[in-house]
PDB file of N, CA and C in Angstrom:
ATOM      1  N   MET A   1       8.458  21.031  24.607  1.00  0.00           N
ATOM      2  CA  MET A   1       9.141  20.115  23.709  1.00  0.00           C
ATOM      3  C   MET A   1       8.326  19.996  22.427  1.00  0.00           C
ATOM      4  N   LEU A   2       9.013  19.835  21.329  1.00  0.00           N
ATOM      5  CA  LEU A   2       8.365  19.708  20.037  1.00  0.00           C
ATOM      6  C   LEU A   2       7.705  18.342  19.891  1.00  0.00           C
ATOM      7  N   ALA A   3       6.601  18.308  19.202  1.00  0.00           N
ATOM      8  CA  ALA A   3       5.897  17.043  18.971  1.00  0.00           C
ATOM      9  C   ALA A   3       6.687  16.170  18.014  1.00  0.00           C
ATOM     10  N   ARG A   4       6.626  14.890  18.228  1.00  0.00           N
ATOM     11  CA  ARG A   4       7.284  13.925  17.353  1.00  0.00           C
ATOM     12  C   ARG A   4       6.500  13.841  16.056  1.00  0.00           C
ATOM     13  N   GLN A   5       7.178  13.903  14.949  1.00  0.00           N
ATOM     14  CA  GLN A   5       6.501  13.874  13.654  1.00  0.00           C
ATOM     15  C   GLN A   5       6.807  12.561  12.961  1.00  0.00           C
ATOM     16  N   GLU A   6       5.756  11.833  12.597  1.00  0.00           N
ATOM     17  CA  GLU A   6       5.931  10.561  11.916  1.00  0.00           C
ATOM     18  C   GLU A   6       5.217  10.600  10.580  1.00  0.00           C
ATOM     19  N   THR A   7       5.727   9.827   9.640  1.00  0.00           N
ATOM     20  CA  THR A   7       5.124   9.770   8.320  1.00  0.00           C
ATOM     21  C   THR A   7       4.090   8.659   8.283  1.00  0.00           C
ATOM     22  N   GLN A   8       3.493   8.429   7.136  1.00  0.00           N
ATOM     23  CA  GLN A   8       2.480   7.395   6.999  1.00  0.00           C
ATOM     24  C   GLN A   8       3.035   6.026   7.380  1.00  0.00           C
ATOM     25  N   ALA A   9       2.147   5.111   7.740  1.00  0.00           N
ATOM     26  CA  ALA A   9       2.538   3.791   8.240  1.00  0.00           C
ATOM     27  C   ALA A   9       3.449   3.037   7.282  1.00  0.00           C
ATOM     28  N   ARG A  10       3.269   3.215   5.986  1.00  0.00           N
ATOM     29  CA  ARG A  10       4.064   2.484   4.995  1.00  0.00           C
ATOM     30  C   ARG A  10       5.529   2.937   4.994  1.00  0.00           C
ATOM     31  N   SER A  11       5.779   4.140   5.388  1.00  0.00           N
ATOM     32  CA  SER A  11       7.116   4.706   5.398  1.00  0.00           C
ATOM     33  C   SER A  11       7.950   4.112   6.520  1.00  0.00           C
ATOM     34  N   ARG A  12       9.230   4.067   6.328  1.00  0.00           N
ATOM     35  CA  ARG A  12      10.182   3.638   7.354  1.00  0.00           C
ATOM     36  C   ARG A  12      10.805   4.844   8.044  1.00  0.00           C
ATOM     37  N   VAL A  13      10.383   6.040   7.673  1.00  0.00           N
ATOM     38  CA  VAL A  13      11.003   7.263   8.155  1.00  0.00           C
ATOM     39  C   VAL A  13      10.290   7.788   9.399  1.00  0.00           C
ATOM     40  N   GLU A  14      11.084   8.091  10.409  1.00  0.00           N
ATOM     41  CA  GLU A  14      10.575   8.729  11.611  1.00  0.00           C
ATOM     42  C   GLU A  14      11.403   9.989  11.835  1.00  0.00           C
ATOM     43  N   LEU A  15      10.739  11.127  11.940  1.00  0.00           N
ATOM     44  CA  LEU A  15      11.423  12.399  12.164  1.00  0.00           C
ATOM     45  C   LEU A  15      11.274  12.792  13.624  1.00  0.00           C
ATOM     46  N   MET A  16      12.409  12.960  14.288  1.00  0.00           N
ATOM     47  CA  MET A  16      12.408  13.347  15.691  1.00  0.00           C
ATOM     48  C   MET A  16      12.943  14.778  15.793  1.00  0.00           C
ATOM     49  N   PRO A  17      12.107  15.726  16.189  1.00  0.00           N
ATOM     50  CA  PRO A  17      12.547  17.124  16.232  1.00  0.00           C
ATOM     51  C   PRO A  17      13.665  17.347  17.248  1.00  0.00           C
ATOM     52  N   LEU A  18      14.681  18.063  16.797  1.00  0.00           N
ATOM     53  CA  LEU A  18      15.775  18.484  17.676  1.00  0.00           C
ATOM     54  C   LEU A  18      15.676  19.975  17.956  1.00  0.00           C
ATOM     55  N   SER A  19      15.072  20.690  17.015  1.00  0.00           N
ATOM     56  CA  SER A  19      14.836  22.130  17.134  1.00  0.00           C
ATOM     57  C   SER A  19      13.692  22.458  16.167  1.00  0.00           C
ATOM     58  N   PRO A  20      13.245  23.709  16.129  1.00  0.00           N
ATOM     59  CA  PRO A  20      12.184  24.053  15.166  1.00  0.00           C
ATOM     60  C   PRO A  20      12.591  23.864  13.701  1.00  0.00           C
ATOM     61  N   THR A  21      13.892  23.759  13.425  1.00  0.00           N
ATOM     62  CA  THR A  21      14.363  23.652  12.039  1.00  0.00           C
ATOM     63  C   THR A  21      15.196  22.405  11.737  1.00  0.00           C
ATOM     64  N   THR A  22      15.361  21.516  12.717  1.00  0.00           N
ATOM     65  CA  THR A  22      16.221  20.345  12.541  1.00  0.00           C
ATOM     66  C   THR A  22      15.562  19.102  13.121  1.00  0.00           C
ATOM     67  N   TRP A  23      15.659  17.978  12.369  1.00  0.00           N
ATOM     68  CA  TRP A  23      15.096  16.713  12.800  1.00  0.00           C
ATOM     69  C   TRP A  23      16.139  15.620  12.676  1.00  0.00           C
ATOM     70  N   ARG A  24      16.122  14.688  13.616  1.00  0.00           N
ATOM     71  CA  ARG A  24      16.902  13.458  13.490  1.00  0.00           C
ATOM     72  C   ARG A  24      16.043  12.516  12.655  1.00  0.00           C
ATOM     73  N   VAL A  25      16.621  11.925  11.628  1.00  0.00           N
ATOM     74  CA  VAL A  25      15.888  11.018  10.748  1.00  0.00           C
ATOM     75  C   VAL A  25      16.251   9.586  11.136  1.00  0.00           C
ATOM     76  N   CYS A  26      15.213   8.837  11.503  1.00  0.00           N
ATOM     77  CA  CYS A  26      15.413   7.460  11.940  1.00  0.00           C
ATOM     78  C   CYS A  26      14.685   6.489  11.023  1.00  0.00           C
ATOM     79  N   ASN A  27      15.220   5.282  10.947  1.00  0.00           N
ATOM     80  CA  ASN A  27      14.588   4.191  10.225  1.00  0.00           C
ATOM     81  C   ASN A  27      13.834   3.374  11.264  1.00  0.00           C
ATOM     82  N   ASP A  28      12.507   3.420  11.226  1.00  0.00           N
ATOM     83  CA  ASP A  28      11.713   2.772  12.261  1.00  0.00           C
ATOM     84  C   ASP A  28      11.722   1.244  12.184  1.00  0.00           C
ATOM     85  N   ARG A  29      12.449   0.711  11.231  1.00  0.00           N
ATOM     86  CA  ARG A  29      12.613  -0.743  11.122  1.00  0.00           C
ATOM     87  C   ARG A  29      13.483  -1.262  12.274  1.00  0.00           C
ATOM     88  N   TYR A  30      14.303  -0.383  12.834  1.00  0.00           N
ATOM     89  CA  TYR A  30      15.241  -0.786  13.881  1.00  0.00           C
ATOM     90  C   TYR A  30      14.821  -0.227  15.236  1.00  0.00           C
ATOM     91  N   ALA A  31      15.122  -0.963  16.284  1.00  0.00           N
ATOM     92  CA  ALA A  31      14.754  -0.582  17.657  1.00  0.00           C
ATOM     93  C   ALA A  31      15.654   0.543  18.181  1.00  0.00           C
ATOM     94  N   ASP A  32      15.132   1.269  19.163  1.00  0.00           N
ATOM     95  CA  ASP A  32      15.959   2.271  19.844  1.00  0.00           C
ATOM     96  C   ASP A  32      17.221   1.590  20.350  1.00  0.00           C
ATOM     97  N   GLY A  33      18.352   2.249  20.214  1.00  0.00           N
ATOM     98  CA  GLY A  33      19.624   1.693  20.649  1.00  0.00           C
ATOM     99  C   GLY A  33      20.387   0.977  19.541  1.00  0.00           C
ATOM    100  N   ASP A  34      19.713   0.599  18.474  1.00  0.00           N
ATOM    101  CA  ASP A  34      20.372  -0.039  17.332  1.00  0.00           C
ATOM    102  C   ASP A  34      21.063   1.056  16.531  1.00  0.00           C
ATOM    103  N   LEU A  35      22.347   0.910  16.285  1.00  0.00           N
ATOM    104  CA  LEU A  35      23.123   1.937  15.589  1.00  0.00           C
ATOM    105  C   LEU A  35      22.608   2.228  14.185  1.00  0.00           C
ATOM    106  N   ARG A  36      21.915   1.289  13.572  1.00  0.00           N
ATOM    107  CA  ARG A  36      21.378   1.484  12.226  1.00  0.00           C
ATOM    108  C   ARG A  36      20.127   2.362  12.211  1.00  0.00           C
ATOM    109  N   ARG A  37      19.558   2.646  13.376  1.00  0.00           N
ATOM    110  CA  ARG A  37      18.302   3.402  13.463  1.00  0.00           C
ATOM    111  C   ARG A  37      18.456   4.838  12.952  1.00  0.00           C
ATOM    112  N   VAL A  38      19.500   5.556  13.393  1.00  0.00           N
ATOM    113  CA  VAL A  38      19.703   6.947  12.964  1.00  0.00           C
ATOM    114  C   VAL A  38      20.381   6.935  11.599  1.00  0.00           C
ATOM    115  N   VAL A  39      19.694   7.534  10.609  1.00  0.00           N
ATOM    116  CA  VAL A  39      20.246   7.548   9.253  1.00  0.00           C
ATOM    117  C   VAL A  39      20.723   8.922   8.831  1.00  0.00           C
ATOM    118  N   GLY A  40      20.342   9.971   9.562  1.00  0.00           N
ATOM    119  CA  GLY A  40      20.807  11.300   9.199  1.00  0.00           C
ATOM    120  C   GLY A  40      20.056  12.400   9.914  1.00  0.00           C
ATOM    121  N   TYR A  41      20.239  13.611   9.375  1.00  0.00           N
ATOM    122  CA  TYR A  41      19.635  14.809   9.951  1.00  0.00           C
ATOM    123  C   TYR A  41      19.060  15.663   8.826  1.00  0.00           C
ATOM    124  N   LEU A  42      17.838  16.116   9.029  1.00  0.00           N
ATOM    125  CA  LEU A  42      17.151  16.961   8.059  1.00  0.00           C
ATOM    126  C   LEU A  42      16.999  18.338   8.664  1.00  0.00           C
ATOM    127  N   GLN A  43      17.309  19.373   7.886  1.00  0.00           N
ATOM    128  CA  GLN A  43      17.134  20.727   8.407  1.00  0.00           C
ATOM    129  C   GLN A  43      16.615  21.655   7.323  1.00  0.00           C
ATOM    130  N   THR A  44      15.921  22.692   7.781  1.00  0.00           N
ATOM    131  CA  THR A  44      15.454  23.683   6.822  1.00  0.00           C
ATOM    132  C   THR A  44      16.634  24.533   6.399  1.00  0.00           C
ATOM    133  N   ILE A  45      16.613  24.918   5.139  1.00  0.00           N
ATOM    134  CA  ILE A  45      17.598  25.848   4.602  1.00  0.00           C
ATOM    135  C   ILE A  45      16.817  26.955   3.908  1.00  0.00           C
ATOM    136  N   ASP A  46      17.485  27.937   3.387  1.00  0.00           N
ATOM    137  CA  ASP A  46      16.816  29.095   2.793  1.00  0.00           C
ATOM    138  C   ASP A  46      15.694  28.743   1.838  1.00  0.00           C
ATOM    139  N   ASP A  47      15.943  27.805   0.948  1.00  0.00           N
ATOM    140  CA  ASP A  47      14.961  27.520  -0.106  1.00  0.00           C
ATOM    141  C   ASP A  47      14.403  26.104  -0.055  1.00  0.00           C
ATOM    142  N   GLY A  48      14.469  25.440   1.100  1.00  0.00           N
ATOM    143  CA  GLY A  48      13.932  24.092   1.196  1.00  0.00           C
ATOM    144  C   GLY A  48      14.476  23.335   2.381  1.00  0.00           C
ATOM    145  N   TYR A  49      14.887  22.093   2.121  1.00  0.00           N
ATOM    146  CA  TYR A  49      15.364  21.193   3.171  1.00  0.00           C
ATOM    147  C   TYR A  49      16.638  20.507   2.713  1.00  0.00           C
ATOM    148  N   GLU A  50      17.517  20.240   3.667  1.00  0.00           N
ATOM    149  CA  GLU A  50      18.778  19.571   3.378  1.00  0.00           C
ATOM    150  C   GLU A  50      18.896  18.343   4.276  1.00  0.00           C
ATOM    151  N   MET A  51      19.208  17.205   3.668  1.00  0.00           N
ATOM    152  CA  MET A  51      19.384  15.950   4.396  1.00  0.00           C
ATOM    153  C   MET A  51      20.852  15.589   4.425  1.00  0.00           C
ATOM    154  N   LEU A  52      21.412  15.472   5.635  1.00  0.00           N
ATOM    155  CA  LEU A  52      22.782  15.016   5.836  1.00  0.00           C
ATOM    156  C   LEU A  52      22.706  13.550   6.237  1.00  0.00           C
ATOM    157  N   TRP A  53      23.138  12.677   5.344  1.00  0.00           N
ATOM    158  CA  TRP A  53      23.082  11.235   5.598  1.00  0.00           C
ATOM    159  C   TRP A  53      24.234  10.780   6.473  1.00  0.00           C
ATOM    160  N   MET A  54      23.946   9.888   7.411  1.00  0.00           N
ATOM    161  CA  MET A  54      24.964   9.258   8.244  1.00  0.00           C
ATOM    162  C   MET A  54      25.150   7.798   7.835  1.00  0.00           C
ATOM    163  N   ARG A  55      24.171   7.253   7.105  1.00  0.00           N
ATOM    164  CA  ARG A  55      24.198   5.877   6.625  1.00  0.00           C
ATOM    165  C   ARG A  55      23.627   5.831   5.227  1.00  0.00           C
ATOM    166  N   PRO A  56      24.080   5.020   4.350  1.00  0.00           N
ATOM    167  CA  PRO A  56      25.194   4.096   4.503  1.00  0.00           C
ATOM    168  C   PRO A  56      26.555   4.767   4.382  1.00  0.00           C
ATOM    169  N   ARG A  57      26.614   6.003   3.822  1.00  0.00           N
ATOM    170  CA  ARG A  57      27.893   6.721   3.731  1.00  0.00           C
ATOM    171  C   ARG A  57      27.750   8.070   4.414  1.00  0.00           C
ATOM    172  N   PRO A  58      28.485   8.304   5.500  1.00  0.00           N
ATOM    173  CA  PRO A  58      28.382   9.576   6.215  1.00  0.00           C
ATOM    174  C   PRO A  58      28.822  10.749   5.347  1.00  0.00           C
ATOM    175  N   GLY A  59      28.122  11.870   5.511  1.00  0.00           N
ATOM    176  CA  GLY A  59      28.522  13.102   4.850  1.00  0.00           C
ATOM    177  C   GLY A  59      27.851  13.395   3.524  1.00  0.00           C
ATOM    178  N   VAL A  60      27.056  12.468   3.017  1.00  0.00           N
ATOM    179  CA  VAL A  60      26.340  12.705   1.762  1.00  0.00           C
ATOM    180  C   VAL A  60      25.189  13.659   2.050  1.00  0.00           C
ATOM    181  N   VAL A  61      25.035  14.691   1.216  1.00  0.00           N
ATOM    182  CA  VAL A  61      23.996  15.700   1.421  1.00  0.00           C
ATOM    183  C   VAL A  61      23.112  15.793   0.182  1.00  0.00           C
ATOM    184  N   TYR A  62      21.804  15.821   0.409  1.00  0.00           N
ATOM    185  CA  TYR A  62      20.828  16.041  -0.657  1.00  0.00           C
ATOM    186  C   TYR A  62      19.925  17.187  -0.249  1.00  0.00           C
ATOM    187  N   ARG A  63      19.443  17.932  -1.236  1.00  0.00           N
ATOM    188  CA  ARG A  63      18.523  19.045  -0.984  1.00  0.00           C
ATOM    189  C   ARG A  63      17.184  18.773  -1.644  1.00  0.00           C
ATOM    190  N   TYR A  64      16.132  19.240  -0.978  1.00  0.00           N
ATOM    191  CA  TYR A  64      14.765  19.025  -1.440  1.00  0.00           C
ATOM    192  C   TYR A  64      13.979  20.317  -1.321  1.00  0.00           C
ATOM    193  N   ALA A  65      13.013  20.491  -2.202  1.00  0.00           N
ATOM    194  CA  ALA A  65      12.210  21.718  -2.211  1.00  0.00           C
ATOM    195  C   ALA A  65      11.196  21.747  -1.079  1.00  0.00           C
ATOM    196  N   THR A  66      10.667  20.571  -0.702  1.00  0.00           N
ATOM    197  CA  THR A  66       9.628  20.514   0.328  1.00  0.00           C
ATOM    198  C   THR A  66       9.924  19.389   1.315  1.00  0.00           C
ATOM    199  N   MET A  67       9.252  19.441   2.459  1.00  0.00           N
ATOM    200  CA  MET A  67       9.376  18.369   3.447  1.00  0.00           C
ATOM    201  C   MET A  67       8.838  17.065   2.862  1.00  0.00           C
ATOM    202  N   ASP A  68       7.711  17.125   2.160  1.00  0.00           N
ATOM    203  CA  ASP A  68       7.147  15.914   1.549  1.00  0.00           C
ATOM    204  C   ASP A  68       8.108  15.285   0.551  1.00  0.00           C
ATOM    205  N   ALA A  69       8.760  16.099  -0.259  1.00  0.00           N
ATOM    206  CA  ALA A  69       9.731  15.586  -1.233  1.00  0.00           C
ATOM    207  C   ALA A  69      10.901  14.922  -0.509  1.00  0.00           C
ATOM    208  N   ALA A  70      11.337  15.514   0.580  1.00  0.00           N
ATOM    209  CA  ALA A  70      12.443  14.944   1.361  1.00  0.00           C
ATOM    210  C   ALA A  70      12.053  13.590   1.933  1.00  0.00           C
ATOM    211  N   VAL A  71      10.896  13.513   2.576  1.00  0.00           N
ATOM    212  CA  VAL A  71      10.457  12.257   3.188  1.00  0.00           C
ATOM    213  C   VAL A  71      10.253  11.173   2.138  1.00  0.00           C
ATOM    214  N   THR A  72       9.693  11.523   0.994  1.00  0.00           N
ATOM    215  CA  THR A  72       9.499  10.557  -0.090  1.00  0.00           C
ATOM    216  C   THR A  72      10.841  10.007  -0.568  1.00  0.00           C
ATOM    217  N   ALA A  73      11.803  10.889  -0.790  1.00  0.00           N
ATOM    218  CA  ALA A  73      13.128  10.459  -1.259  1.00  0.00           C
ATOM    219  C   ALA A  73      13.870   9.646  -0.197  1.00  0.00           C
ATOM    220  N   ILE A  74      13.775  10.065   1.052  1.00  0.00           N
ATOM    221  CA  ILE A  74      14.429   9.332   2.140  1.00  0.00           C
ATOM    222  C   ILE A  74      13.828   7.935   2.262  1.00  0.00           C
ATOM    223  N   THR A  75      12.511   7.844   2.198  1.00  0.00           N
ATOM    224  CA  THR A  75      11.832   6.551   2.275  1.00  0.00           C
ATOM    225  C   THR A  75      12.290   5.633   1.147  1.00  0.00           C
ATOM    226  N   ALA A  76      12.354   6.149  -0.062  1.00  0.00           N
ATOM    227  CA  ALA A  76      12.790   5.344  -1.209  1.00  0.00           C
ATOM    228  C   ALA A  76      14.219   4.852  -1.007  1.00  0.00           C
ATOM    229  N   ARG A  77      15.081   5.729  -0.524  1.00  0.00           N
ATOM    230  CA  ARG A  77      16.478   5.328  -0.328  1.00  0.00           C
ATOM    231  C   ARG A  77      16.599   4.278   0.780  1.00  0.00           C
ATOM    232  N   LEU A  78      15.822   4.428   1.845  1.00  0.00           N
ATOM    233  CA  LEU A  78      15.872   3.432   2.925  1.00  0.00           C
ATOM    234  C   LEU A  78      15.415   2.064   2.429  1.00  0.00           C
ATOM    235  N   GLU A  79      14.434   2.045   1.557  1.00  0.00           N
ATOM    236  CA  GLU A  79      13.974   0.778   1.002  1.00  0.00           C
ATOM    237  C   GLU A  79      15.084   0.091   0.206  1.00  0.00           C
ATOM    238  N   LEU A  80      15.945   0.873  -0.411  1.00  0.00           N
ATOM    239  CA  LEU A  80      17.044   0.310  -1.206  1.00  0.00           C
ATOM    240  C   LEU A  80      18.259  -0.067  -0.375  1.00  0.00           C
ATOM    241  N   THR A  81      18.478   0.626   0.750  1.00  0.00           N
ATOM    242  CA  THR A  81      19.735   0.448   1.488  1.00  0.00           C
ATOM    243  C   THR A  81      19.593  -0.276   2.817  1.00  0.00           C
ATOM    244  N   SER A  82      18.376  -0.465   3.327  1.00  0.00           N
ATOM    245  CA  SER A  82      18.203  -1.109   4.627  1.00  0.00           C
ATOM    246  C   SER A  82      18.419  -2.605   4.531  1.00  0.00           C
ATOM    247  N   ASP A  83      18.927  -3.156   5.629  1.00  0.00           N
ATOM    248  CA  ASP A  83      19.068  -4.614   5.712  1.00  0.00           C
ATOM    249  C   ASP A  83      17.681  -5.238   5.674  1.00  0.00           C
ATOM    250  N   PRO A  84      17.537  -6.405   5.068  1.00  0.00           N
ATOM    251  CA  PRO A  84      16.234  -7.072   5.055  1.00  0.00           C
ATOM    252  C   PRO A  84      15.836  -7.484   6.469  1.00  0.00           C
ATOM    253  N   ASP A  85      14.531  -7.568   6.697  1.00  0.00           N
ATOM    254  CA  ASP A  85      14.025  -7.979   8.028  1.00  0.00           C
ATOM    255  C   ASP A  85      14.383  -9.400   8.331  1.00  0.00           C
TER     256      ASP A  85
END
């Protein structure tokens, strides 16, 4: 099984590997079982990474050159769209 990959403590992003090229993107602000926890799916593409958002609007896709760029952008968006604690 693939190792779970987590970002720095300040980030709300948790990447759960589904395959060598695909991760489930979760918002660690929410507990397992909370429907708001899964925010999308990140996968490698030919020239970088593609994020398919499931929240707040399903089907929105963004592309990033690097994994770090993707996580940074996802973290910023979660800070803007997540419900307050």
